[in-house]
Amino acid sequence: EKLIWPDDSPFGKTEIRTAEAKLKL
């Protein structure tokens, strides 16, 4: 549904994640 990018997409790397969010994910 184009809400998120696939894992291998370079656009997905533009997500800004805090350290806390990275741990949760």
mmCIF file of all heavy atoms, coordinates in Angstrom:
data_MODEL
# 
_entry.id   MODEL 
# 
loop_
_atom_site.group_PDB 
_atom_site.id 
_atom_site.type_symbol 
_atom_site.label_atom_id 
_atom_site.label_alt_id 
_atom_site.label_comp_id 
_atom_site.label_asym_id 
_atom_site.label_entity_id 
_atom_site.label_seq_id 
_atom_site.pdbx_PDB_ins_code 
_atom_site.Cartn_x 
_atom_site.Cartn_y 
_atom_site.Cartn_z 
_atom_site.occupancy 
_atom_site.B_iso_or_equiv 
_atom_site.pdbx_formal_charge 
_atom_site.auth_seq_id 
_atom_site.auth_comp_id 
_atom_site.auth_asym_id 
_atom_site.auth_atom_id 
_atom_site.pdbx_PDB_model_num 
ATOM 1   N N   . GLU A 1 1  ? 0.808  -1.221 0.000  1.00 0.00 ? 1  GLU A N   1 
ATOM 2   C CA  . GLU A 1 1  ? 0.000  0.000  0.000  1.00 0.00 ? 1  GLU A CA  1 
ATOM 3   C C   . GLU A 1 1  ? 0.841  1.272  0.000  1.00 0.00 ? 1  GLU A C   1 
ATOM 4   O O   . GLU A 1 1  ? 0.323  2.372  0.180  1.00 0.00 ? 1  GLU A O   1 
ATOM 5   C CB  . GLU A 1 1  ? -0.960 -0.012 1.187  1.00 0.00 ? 1  GLU A CB  1 
ATOM 6   C CG  . GLU A 1 1  ? -1.997 -1.103 1.068  1.00 0.00 ? 1  GLU A CG  1 
ATOM 7   C CD  . GLU A 1 1  ? -3.074 -1.027 2.117  1.00 0.00 ? 1  GLU A CD  1 
ATOM 8   O OE1 . GLU A 1 1  ? -3.268 0.075  2.691  1.00 0.00 ? 1  GLU A OE1 1 
ATOM 9   O OE2 . GLU A 1 1  ? -3.730 -2.045 2.355  1.00 0.00 ? 1  GLU A OE2 1 
ATOM 10  N N   . LYS A 1 2  ? 2.147  1.116  -0.183 1.00 0.00 ? 2  LYS A N   1 
ATOM 11  C CA  . LYS A 1 2  ? 3.082  2.252  -0.304 1.00 0.00 ? 2  LYS A CA  1 
ATOM 12  C C   . LYS A 1 2  ? 3.164  3.103  0.952  1.00 0.00 ? 2  LYS A C   1 
ATOM 13  O O   . LYS A 1 2  ? 3.451  4.292  0.900  1.00 0.00 ? 2  LYS A O   1 
ATOM 14  C CB  . LYS A 1 2  ? 2.727  3.147  -1.497 1.00 0.00 ? 2  LYS A CB  1 
ATOM 15  C CG  . LYS A 1 2  ? 2.552  2.428  -2.805 1.00 0.00 ? 2  LYS A CG  1 
ATOM 16  C CD  . LYS A 1 2  ? 3.858  2.013  -3.374 1.00 0.00 ? 2  LYS A CD  1 
ATOM 17  C CE  . LYS A 1 2  ? 3.681  1.522  -4.795 1.00 0.00 ? 2  LYS A CE  1 
ATOM 18  N NZ  . LYS A 1 2  ? 4.243  0.228  -5.028 1.00 0.00 ? 2  LYS A NZ  1 
ATOM 19  N N   . LEU A 1 3  ? 2.935  2.479  2.095  1.00 0.00 ? 3  LEU A N   1 
ATOM 20  C CA  . LEU A 1 3  ? 3.088  3.196  3.363  1.00 0.00 ? 3  LEU A CA  1 
ATOM 21  C C   . LEU A 1 3  ? 4.545  3.173  3.794  1.00 0.00 ? 3  LEU A C   1 
ATOM 22  O O   . LEU A 1 3  ? 5.063  4.165  4.299  1.00 0.00 ? 3  LEU A O   1 
ATOM 23  C CB  . LEU A 1 3  ? 2.198  2.565  4.430  1.00 0.00 ? 3  LEU A CB  1 
ATOM 24  C CG  . LEU A 1 3  ? 2.023  3.322  5.732  1.00 0.00 ? 3  LEU A CG  1 
ATOM 25  C CD1 . LEU A 1 3  ? 1.449  4.714  5.488  1.00 0.00 ? 3  LEU A CD1 1 
ATOM 26  C CD2 . LEU A 1 3  ? 1.113  2.564  6.671  1.00 0.00 ? 3  LEU A CD2 1 
ATOM 27  N N   . ILE A 1 4  ? 5.215  2.037  3.591  1.00 0.00 ? 4  ILE A N   1 
ATOM 28  C CA  . ILE A 1 4  ? 6.646  1.912  3.882  1.00 0.00 ? 4  ILE A CA  1 
ATOM 29  C C   . ILE A 1 4  ? 7.339  1.382  2.633  1.00 0.00 ? 4  ILE A C   1 
ATOM 30  O O   . ILE A 1 4  ? 6.701  0.854  1.720  1.00 0.00 ? 4  ILE A O   1 
ATOM 31  C CB  . ILE A 1 4  ? 6.932  0.979  5.086  1.00 0.00 ? 4  ILE A CB  1 
ATOM 32  C CG1 . ILE A 1 4  ? 6.441  -0.439 4.817  1.00 0.00 ? 4  ILE A CG1 1 
ATOM 33  C CG2 . ILE A 1 4  ? 6.333  1.553  6.358  1.00 0.00 ? 4  ILE A CG2 1 
ATOM 34  C CD1 . ILE A 1 4  ? 6.811  -1.445 5.894  1.00 0.00 ? 4  ILE A CD1 1 
ATOM 35  N N   . TRP A 1 5  ? 8.639  1.524  2.599  1.00 0.00 ? 5  TRP A N   1 
ATOM 36  C CA  . TRP A 1 5  ? 9.445  1.023  1.487  1.00 0.00 ? 5  TRP A CA  1 
ATOM 37  C C   . TRP A 1 5  ? 9.941  -0.392 1.812  1.00 0.00 ? 5  TRP A C   1 
ATOM 38  O O   . TRP A 1 5  ? 10.117 -0.736 2.977  1.00 0.00 ? 5  TRP A O   1 
ATOM 39  C CB  . TRP A 1 5  ? 10.656 1.922  1.263  1.00 0.00 ? 5  TRP A CB  1 
ATOM 40  C CG  . TRP A 1 5  ? 10.300 3.312  0.848  1.00 0.00 ? 5  TRP A CG  1 
ATOM 41  C CD1 . TRP A 1 5  ? 10.199 4.403  1.660  1.00 0.00 ? 5  TRP A CD1 1 
ATOM 42  C CD2 . TRP A 1 5  ? 9.977  3.756  -0.463 1.00 0.00 ? 5  TRP A CD2 1 
ATOM 43  N NE1 . TRP A 1 5  ? 9.836  5.499  0.929  1.00 0.00 ? 5  TRP A NE1 1 
ATOM 44  C CE2 . TRP A 1 5  ? 9.703  5.134  -0.376 1.00 0.00 ? 5  TRP A CE2 1 
ATOM 45  C CE3 . TRP A 1 5  ? 9.911  3.127  -1.710 1.00 0.00 ? 5  TRP A CE3 1 
ATOM 46  C CZ2 . TRP A 1 5  ? 9.358  5.889  -1.490 1.00 0.00 ? 5  TRP A CZ2 1 
ATOM 47  C CZ3 . TRP A 1 5  ? 9.561  3.894  -2.813 1.00 0.00 ? 5  TRP A CZ3 1 
ATOM 48  C CH2 . TRP A 1 5  ? 9.277  5.255  -2.697 1.00 0.00 ? 5  TRP A CH2 1 
ATOM 49  N N   . PRO A 1 6  ? 10.213 -1.177 0.776  1.00 0.00 ? 6  PRO A N   1 
ATOM 50  C CA  . PRO A 1 6  ? 10.820 -2.500 1.022  1.00 0.00 ? 6  PRO A CA  1 
ATOM 51  C C   . PRO A 1 6  ? 12.187 -2.352 1.691  1.00 0.00 ? 6  PRO A C   1 
ATOM 52  O O   . PRO A 1 6  ? 12.843 -1.303 1.578  1.00 0.00 ? 6  PRO A O   1 
ATOM 53  C CB  . PRO A 1 6  ? 10.971 -3.099 -0.379 1.00 0.00 ? 6  PRO A CB  1 
ATOM 54  C CG  . PRO A 1 6  ? 10.054 -2.310 -1.259 1.00 0.00 ? 6  PRO A CG  1 
ATOM 55  C CD  . PRO A 1 6  ? 9.928  -0.950 -0.639 1.00 0.00 ? 6  PRO A CD  1 
ATOM 56  N N   . ASP A 1 7  ? 12.621 -3.414 2.365  1.00 0.00 ? 7  ASP A N   1 
ATOM 57  C CA  . ASP A 1 7  ? 13.894 -3.367 3.101  1.00 0.00 ? 7  ASP A CA  1 
ATOM 58  C C   . ASP A 1 7  ? 15.084 -3.047 2.214  1.00 0.00 ? 7  ASP A C   1 
ATOM 59  O O   . ASP A 1 7  ? 16.031 -2.406 2.652  1.00 0.00 ? 7  ASP A O   1 
ATOM 60  C CB  . ASP A 1 7  ? 14.135 -4.695 3.820  1.00 0.00 ? 7  ASP A CB  1 
ATOM 61  C CG  . ASP A 1 7  ? 13.179 -4.885 4.982  1.00 0.00 ? 7  ASP A CG  1 
ATOM 62  O OD1 . ASP A 1 7  ? 12.666 -3.874 5.504  1.00 0.00 ? 7  ASP A OD1 1 
ATOM 63  O OD2 . ASP A 1 7  ? 12.957 -6.051 5.363  1.00 0.00 ? 7  ASP A OD2 1 
ATOM 64  N N   . ASP A 1 8  ? 15.057 -3.480 0.955  1.00 0.00 ? 8  ASP A N   1 
ATOM 65  C CA  . ASP A 1 8  ? 16.204 -3.265 0.072  1.00 0.00 ? 8  ASP A CA  1 
ATOM 66  C C   . ASP A 1 8  ? 16.163 -1.923 -0.668 1.00 0.00 ? 8  ASP A C   1 
ATOM 67  O O   . ASP A 1 8  ? 17.039 -1.623 -1.459 1.00 0.00 ? 8  ASP A O   1 
ATOM 68  C CB  . ASP A 1 8  ? 16.320 -4.409 -0.933 1.00 0.00 ? 8  ASP A CB  1 
ATOM 69  C CG  . ASP A 1 8  ? 15.072 -4.558 -1.801 1.00 0.00 ? 8  ASP A CG  1 
ATOM 70  O OD1 . ASP A 1 8  ? 14.035 -3.945 -1.471 1.00 0.00 ? 8  ASP A OD1 1 
ATOM 71  O OD2 . ASP A 1 8  ? 15.144 -5.296 -2.801 1.00 0.00 ? 8  ASP A OD2 1 
ATOM 72  N N   . SER A 1 9  ? 15.174 -1.101 -0.381 1.00 0.00 ? 9  SER A N   1 
ATOM 73  C CA  . SER A 1 9  ? 15.046 0.189  -1.052 1.00 0.00 ? 9  SER A CA  1 
ATOM 74  C C   . SER A 1 9  ? 15.933 1.241  -0.388 1.00 0.00 ? 9  SER A C   1 
ATOM 75  O O   . SER A 1 9  ? 15.954 1.362  0.840  1.00 0.00 ? 9  SER A O   1 
ATOM 76  C CB  . SER A 1 9  ? 13.596 0.666  -0.988 1.00 0.00 ? 9  SER A CB  1 
ATOM 77  O OG  . SER A 1 9  ? 13.491 1.991  -1.459 1.00 0.00 ? 9  SER A OG  1 
ATOM 78  N N   . PRO A 1 10 ? 16.648 2.034  -1.196 1.00 0.00 ? 10 PRO A N   1 
ATOM 79  C CA  . PRO A 1 10 ? 17.445 3.118  -0.599 1.00 0.00 ? 10 PRO A CA  1 
ATOM 80  C C   . PRO A 1 10 ? 16.573 4.190  0.060  1.00 0.00 ? 10 PRO A C   1 
ATOM 81  O O   . PRO A 1 10 ? 17.009 4.869  0.975  1.00 0.00 ? 10 PRO A O   1 
ATOM 82  C CB  . PRO A 1 10 ? 18.220 3.699  -1.786 1.00 0.00 ? 10 PRO A CB  1 
ATOM 83  C CG  . PRO A 1 10 ? 17.497 3.251  -3.010 1.00 0.00 ? 10 PRO A CG  1 
ATOM 84  C CD  . PRO A 1 10 ? 16.789 1.978  -2.657 1.00 0.00 ? 10 PRO A CD  1 
ATOM 85  N N   . PHE A 1 11 ? 15.323 4.324  -0.373 1.00 0.00 ? 11 PHE A N   1 
ATOM 86  C CA  . PHE A 1 11 ? 14.427 5.313  0.234  1.00 0.00 ? 11 PHE A CA  1 
ATOM 87  C C   . PHE A 1 11 ? 14.079 4.950  1.671  1.00 0.00 ? 11 PHE A C   1 
ATOM 88  O O   . PHE A 1 11 ? 13.829 5.821  2.498  1.00 0.00 ? 11 PHE A O   1 
ATOM 89  C CB  . PHE A 1 11 ? 13.148 5.461  -0.587 1.00 0.00 ? 11 PHE A CB  1 
ATOM 90  C CG  . PHE A 1 11 ? 13.396 5.970  -1.976 1.00 0.00 ? 11 PHE A CG  1 
ATOM 91  C CD1 . PHE A 1 11 ? 13.118 5.180  -3.079 1.00 0.00 ? 11 PHE A CD1 1 
ATOM 92  C CD2 . PHE A 1 11 ? 13.918 7.227  -2.182 1.00 0.00 ? 11 PHE A CD2 1 
ATOM 93  C CE1 . PHE A 1 11 ? 13.347 5.637  -4.353 1.00 0.00 ? 11 PHE A CE1 1 
ATOM 94  C CE2 . PHE A 1 11 ? 14.159 7.698  -3.463 1.00 0.00 ? 11 PHE A CE2 1 
ATOM 95  C CZ  . PHE A 1 11 ? 13.866 6.902  -4.556 1.00 0.00 ? 11 PHE A CZ  1 
ATOM 96  N N   . GLY A 1 12 ? 14.039 3.667  1.968  1.00 0.00 ? 12 GLY A N   1 
ATOM 97  C CA  . GLY A 1 12 ? 13.752 3.226  3.327  1.00 0.00 ? 12 GLY A CA  1 
ATOM 98  C C   . GLY A 1 12 ? 14.820 3.651  4.315  1.00 0.00 ? 12 GLY A C   1 
ATOM 99  O O   . GLY A 1 12 ? 14.567 3.759  5.515  1.00 0.00 ? 12 GLY A O   1 
ATOM 100 N N   . LYS A 1 13 ? 16.005 3.897  3.808  1.00 0.00 ? 13 LYS A N   1 
ATOM 101 C CA  . LYS A 1 13 ? 17.107 4.316  4.671  1.00 0.00 ? 13 LYS A CA  1 
ATOM 102 C C   . LYS A 1 13 ? 16.972 5.777  5.108  1.00 0.00 ? 13 LYS A C   1 
ATOM 103 O O   . LYS A 1 13 ? 17.748 6.250  5.917  1.00 0.00 ? 13 LYS A O   1 
ATOM 104 C CB  . LYS A 1 13 ? 18.439 4.076  3.968  1.00 0.00 ? 13 LYS A CB  1 
ATOM 105 C CG  . LYS A 1 13 ? 18.650 2.607  3.651  1.00 0.00 ? 13 LYS A CG  1 
ATOM 106 C CD  . LYS A 1 13 ? 20.060 2.294  3.287  1.00 0.00 ? 13 LYS A CD  1 
ATOM 107 C CE  . LYS A 1 13 ? 20.280 0.867  2.855  1.00 0.00 ? 13 LYS A CE  1 
ATOM 108 N NZ  . LYS A 1 13 ? 19.425 -0.154 3.361  1.00 0.00 ? 13 LYS A NZ  1 
ATOM 109 N N   . THR A 1 14 ? 15.982 6.475  4.574  1.00 0.00 ? 14 THR A N   1 
ATOM 110 C CA  . THR A 1 14 ? 15.785 7.870  4.966  1.00 0.00 ? 14 THR A CA  1 
ATOM 111 C C   . THR A 1 14 ? 14.891 7.997  6.198  1.00 0.00 ? 14 THR A C   1 
ATOM 112 O O   . THR A 1 14 ? 14.621 9.114  6.640  1.00 0.00 ? 14 THR A O   1 
ATOM 113 C CB  . THR A 1 14 ? 15.171 8.702  3.820  1.00 0.00 ? 14 THR A CB  1 
ATOM 114 O OG1 . THR A 1 14 ? 13.880 8.188  3.503  1.00 0.00 ? 14 THR A OG1 1 
ATOM 115 C CG2 . THR A 1 14 ? 16.064 8.683  2.596  1.00 0.00 ? 14 THR A CG2 1 
ATOM 116 N N   . GLU A 1 15 ? 14.435 6.871  6.749  1.00 0.00 ? 15 GLU A N   1 
ATOM 117 C CA  . GLU A 1 15 ? 13.674 6.926  7.988  1.00 0.00 ? 15 GLU A CA  1 
ATOM 118 C C   . GLU A 1 15 ? 14.576 7.430  9.103  1.00 0.00 ? 15 GLU A C   1 
ATOM 119 O O   . GLU A 1 15 ? 15.715 6.986  9.221  1.00 0.00 ? 15 GLU A O   1 
ATOM 120 C CB  . GLU A 1 15 ? 13.141 5.540  8.370  1.00 0.00 ? 15 GLU A CB  1 
ATOM 121 C CG  . GLU A 1 15 ? 12.032 5.059  7.494  1.00 0.00 ? 15 GLU A CG  1 
ATOM 122 C CD  . GLU A 1 15 ? 11.463 3.737  7.968  1.00 0.00 ? 15 GLU A CD  1 
ATOM 123 O OE1 . GLU A 1 15 ? 11.526 3.431  9.174  1.00 0.00 ? 15 GLU A OE1 1 
ATOM 124 O OE2 . GLU A 1 15 ? 10.952 2.996  7.118  1.00 0.00 ? 15 GLU A OE2 1 
ATOM 125 N N   . ILE A 1 16 ? 14.081 8.348  9.890  1.00 0.00 ? 16 ILE A N   1 
ATOM 126 C CA  . ILE A 1 16 ? 14.851 8.898  11.001 1.00 0.00 ? 16 ILE A CA  1 
ATOM 127 C C   . ILE A 1 16 ? 14.395 8.186  12.271 1.00 0.00 ? 16 ILE A C   1 
ATOM 128 O O   . ILE A 1 16 ? 13.243 8.326  12.684 1.00 0.00 ? 16 ILE A O   1 
ATOM 129 C CB  . ILE A 1 16 ? 14.654 10.417 11.103 1.00 0.00 ? 16 ILE A CB  1 
ATOM 130 C CG1 . ILE A 1 16 ? 15.147 11.078 9.815  1.00 0.00 ? 16 ILE A CG1 1 
ATOM 131 C CG2 . ILE A 1 16 ? 15.378 10.968 12.325 1.00 0.00 ? 16 ILE A CG2 1 
ATOM 132 C CD1 . ILE A 1 16 ? 14.829 12.547 9.711  1.00 0.00 ? 16 ILE A CD1 1 
ATOM 133 N N   . ARG A 1 17 ? 15.306 7.424  12.871 1.00 0.00 ? 17 ARG A N   1 
ATOM 134 C CA  . ARG A 1 17 ? 14.970 6.615  14.042 1.00 0.00 ? 17 ARG A CA  1 
ATOM 135 C C   . ARG A 1 17 ? 15.836 7.009  15.227 1.00 0.00 ? 17 ARG A C   1 
ATOM 136 O O   . ARG A 1 17 ? 17.052 7.121  15.105 1.00 0.00 ? 17 ARG A O   1 
ATOM 137 C CB  . ARG A 1 17 ? 15.198 5.135  13.747 1.00 0.00 ? 17 ARG A CB  1 
ATOM 138 C CG  . ARG A 1 17 ? 14.307 4.612  12.666 1.00 0.00 ? 17 ARG A CG  1 
ATOM 139 C CD  . ARG A 1 17 ? 14.568 3.159  12.400 1.00 0.00 ? 17 ARG A CD  1 
ATOM 140 N NE  . ARG A 1 17 ? 13.626 2.665  11.396 1.00 0.00 ? 17 ARG A NE  1 
ATOM 141 C CZ  . ARG A 1 17 ? 13.693 1.471  10.862 1.00 0.00 ? 17 ARG A CZ  1 
ATOM 142 N NH1 . ARG A 1 17 ? 14.650 0.638  11.216 1.00 0.00 ? 17 ARG A NH1 1 
ATOM 143 N NH2 . ARG A 1 17 ? 12.811 1.106  9.971  1.00 0.00 ? 17 ARG A NH2 1 
ATOM 144 N N   . THR A 1 18 ? 15.196 7.168  16.353 1.00 0.00 ? 18 THR A N   1 
ATOM 145 C CA  . THR A 1 18 ? 15.944 7.402  17.584 1.00 0.00 ? 18 THR A CA  1 
ATOM 146 C C   . THR A 1 18 ? 16.534 6.071  18.041 1.00 0.00 ? 18 THR A C   1 
ATOM 147 O O   . THR A 1 18 ? 16.132 5.001  17.566 1.00 0.00 ? 18 THR A O   1 
ATOM 148 C CB  . THR A 1 18 ? 15.020 7.943  18.687 1.00 0.00 ? 18 THR A CB  1 
ATOM 149 O OG1 . THR A 1 18 ? 14.033 6.953  18.982 1.00 0.00 ? 18 THR A OG1 1 
ATOM 150 C CG2 . THR A 1 18 ? 14.357 9.253  18.274 1.00 0.00 ? 18 THR A CG2 1 
ATOM 151 N N   . ALA A 1 19 ? 17.464 6.121  18.988 1.00 0.00 ? 19 ALA A N   1 
ATOM 152 C CA  . ALA A 1 19 ? 18.049 4.885  19.526 1.00 0.00 ? 19 ALA A CA  1 
ATOM 153 C C   . ALA A 1 19 ? 16.964 4.024  20.156 1.00 0.00 ? 19 ALA A C   1 
ATOM 154 O O   . ALA A 1 19 ? 16.966 2.792  20.002 1.00 0.00 ? 19 ALA A O   1 
ATOM 155 C CB  . ALA A 1 19 ? 19.133 5.222  20.528 1.00 0.00 ? 19 ALA A CB  1 
ATOM 156 N N   . GLU A 1 20 ? 16.034 4.666  20.845 1.00 0.00 ? 20 GLU A N   1 
ATOM 157 C CA  . GLU A 1 20 ? 14.934 3.930  21.480 1.00 0.00 ? 20 GLU A CA  1 
ATOM 158 C C   . GLU A 1 20 ? 14.063 3.223  20.435 1.00 0.00 ? 20 GLU A C   1 
ATOM 159 O O   . GLU A 1 20 ? 13.672 2.067  20.603 1.00 0.00 ? 20 GLU A O   1 
ATOM 160 C CB  . GLU A 1 20 ? 14.083 4.887  22.305 1.00 0.00 ? 20 GLU A CB  1 
ATOM 161 C CG  . GLU A 1 20 ? 12.927 4.244  23.000 1.00 0.00 ? 20 GLU A CG  1 
ATOM 162 C CD  . GLU A 1 20 ? 12.058 5.261  23.743 1.00 0.00 ? 20 GLU A CD  1 
ATOM 163 O OE1 . GLU A 1 20 ? 12.490 6.412  23.909 1.00 0.00 ? 20 GLU A OE1 1 
ATOM 164 O OE2 . GLU A 1 20 ? 10.960 4.858  24.156 1.00 0.00 ? 20 GLU A OE2 1 
ATOM 165 N N   . ALA A 1 21 ? 13.758 3.913  19.337 1.00 0.00 ? 21 ALA A N   1 
ATOM 166 C CA  . ALA A 1 21 ? 12.937 3.324  18.279 1.00 0.00 ? 21 ALA A CA  1 
ATOM 167 C C   . ALA A 1 21 ? 13.670 2.149  17.621 1.00 0.00 ? 21 ALA A C   1 
ATOM 168 O O   . ALA A 1 21 ? 13.045 1.138  17.292 1.00 0.00 ? 21 ALA A O   1 
ATOM 169 C CB  . ALA A 1 21 ? 12.584 4.382  17.237 1.00 0.00 ? 21 ALA A CB  1 
ATOM 170 N N   . LYS A 1 22 ? 14.961 2.306  17.407 1.00 0.00 ? 22 LYS A N   1 
ATOM 171 C CA  . LYS A 1 22 ? 15.746 1.213  16.816 1.00 0.00 ? 22 LYS A CA  1 
ATOM 172 C C   . LYS A 1 22 ? 15.674 -0.036 17.688 1.00 0.00 ? 22 LYS A C   1 
ATOM 173 O O   . LYS A 1 22 ? 15.487 -1.148 17.180 1.00 0.00 ? 22 LYS A O   1 
ATOM 174 C CB  . LYS A 1 22 ? 17.205 1.625  16.636 1.00 0.00 ? 22 LYS A CB  1 
ATOM 175 C CG  . LYS A 1 22 ? 17.438 2.581  15.503 1.00 0.00 ? 22 LYS A CG  1 
ATOM 176 C CD  . LYS A 1 22 ? 18.904 2.960  15.419 1.00 0.00 ? 22 LYS A CD  1 
ATOM 177 C CE  . LYS A 1 22 ? 19.104 4.078  14.424 1.00 0.00 ? 22 LYS A CE  1 
ATOM 178 N NZ  . LYS A 1 22 ? 20.486 4.540  14.354 1.00 0.00 ? 22 LYS A NZ  1 
ATOM 179 N N   . LEU A 1 23 ? 15.806 0.139  18.999 1.00 0.00 ? 23 LEU A N   1 
ATOM 180 C CA  . LEU A 1 23 ? 15.721 -0.998 19.913 1.00 0.00 ? 23 LEU A CA  1 
ATOM 181 C C   . LEU A 1 23 ? 14.347 -1.652 19.868 1.00 0.00 ? 23 LEU A C   1 
ATOM 182 O O   . LEU A 1 23 ? 14.246 -2.886 19.830 1.00 0.00 ? 23 LEU A O   1 
ATOM 183 C CB  . LEU A 1 23 ? 16.034 -0.563 21.344 1.00 0.00 ? 23 LEU A CB  1 
ATOM 184 C CG  . LEU A 1 23 ? 17.497 -0.256 21.677 1.00 0.00 ? 23 LEU A CG  1 
ATOM 185 C CD1 . LEU A 1 23 ? 17.612 0.306  23.080 1.00 0.00 ? 23 LEU A CD1 1 
ATOM 186 C CD2 . LEU A 1 23 ? 18.329 -1.524 21.541 1.00 0.00 ? 23 LEU A CD2 1 
ATOM 187 N N   . LYS A 1 24 ? 13.301 -0.854 19.861 1.00 0.00 ? 24 LYS A N   1 
ATOM 188 C CA  . LYS A 1 24 ? 11.948 -1.396 19.819 1.00 0.00 ? 24 LYS A CA  1 
ATOM 189 C C   . LYS A 1 24 ? 11.701 -2.156 18.523 1.00 0.00 ? 24 LYS A C   1 
ATOM 190 O O   . LYS A 1 24 ? 11.063 -3.205 18.532 1.00 0.00 ? 24 LYS A O   1 
ATOM 191 C CB  . LYS A 1 24 ? 10.925 -0.294 19.992 1.00 0.00 ? 24 LYS A CB  1 
ATOM 192 C CG  . LYS A 1 24 ? 10.818 0.220  21.405 1.00 0.00 ? 24 LYS A CG  1 
ATOM 193 C CD  . LYS A 1 24 ? 9.731  1.256  21.516 1.00 0.00 ? 24 LYS A CD  1 
ATOM 194 C CE  . LYS A 1 24 ? 9.619  1.732  22.955 1.00 0.00 ? 24 LYS A CE  1 
ATOM 195 N NZ  . LYS A 1 24 ? 8.546  2.711  23.127 1.00 0.00 ? 24 LYS A NZ  1 
ATOM 196 N N   . LEU A 1 25 ? 12.199 -1.632 17.416 1.00 0.00 ? 25 LEU A N   1 
ATOM 197 C CA  . LEU A 1 25 ? 11.973 -2.292 16.134 1.00 0.00 ? 25 LEU A CA  1 
ATOM 198 C C   . LEU A 1 25 ? 12.794 -3.573 16.007 1.00 0.00 ? 25 LEU A C   1 
ATOM 199 O O   . LEU A 1 25 ? 12.376 -4.508 15.314 1.00 0.00 ? 25 LEU A O   1 
ATOM 200 C CB  . LEU A 1 25 ? 12.291 -1.338 14.976 1.00 0.00 ? 25 LEU A CB  1 
ATOM 201 C CG  . LEU A 1 25 ? 11.291 -0.206 14.804 1.00 0.00 ? 25 LEU A CG  1 
ATOM 202 C CD1 . LEU A 1 25 ? 11.786 0.801  13.776 1.00 0.00 ? 25 LEU A CD1 1 
ATOM 203 C CD2 . LEU A 1 25 ? 9.920  -0.750 14.420 1.00 0.00 ? 25 LEU A CD2 1 
# 
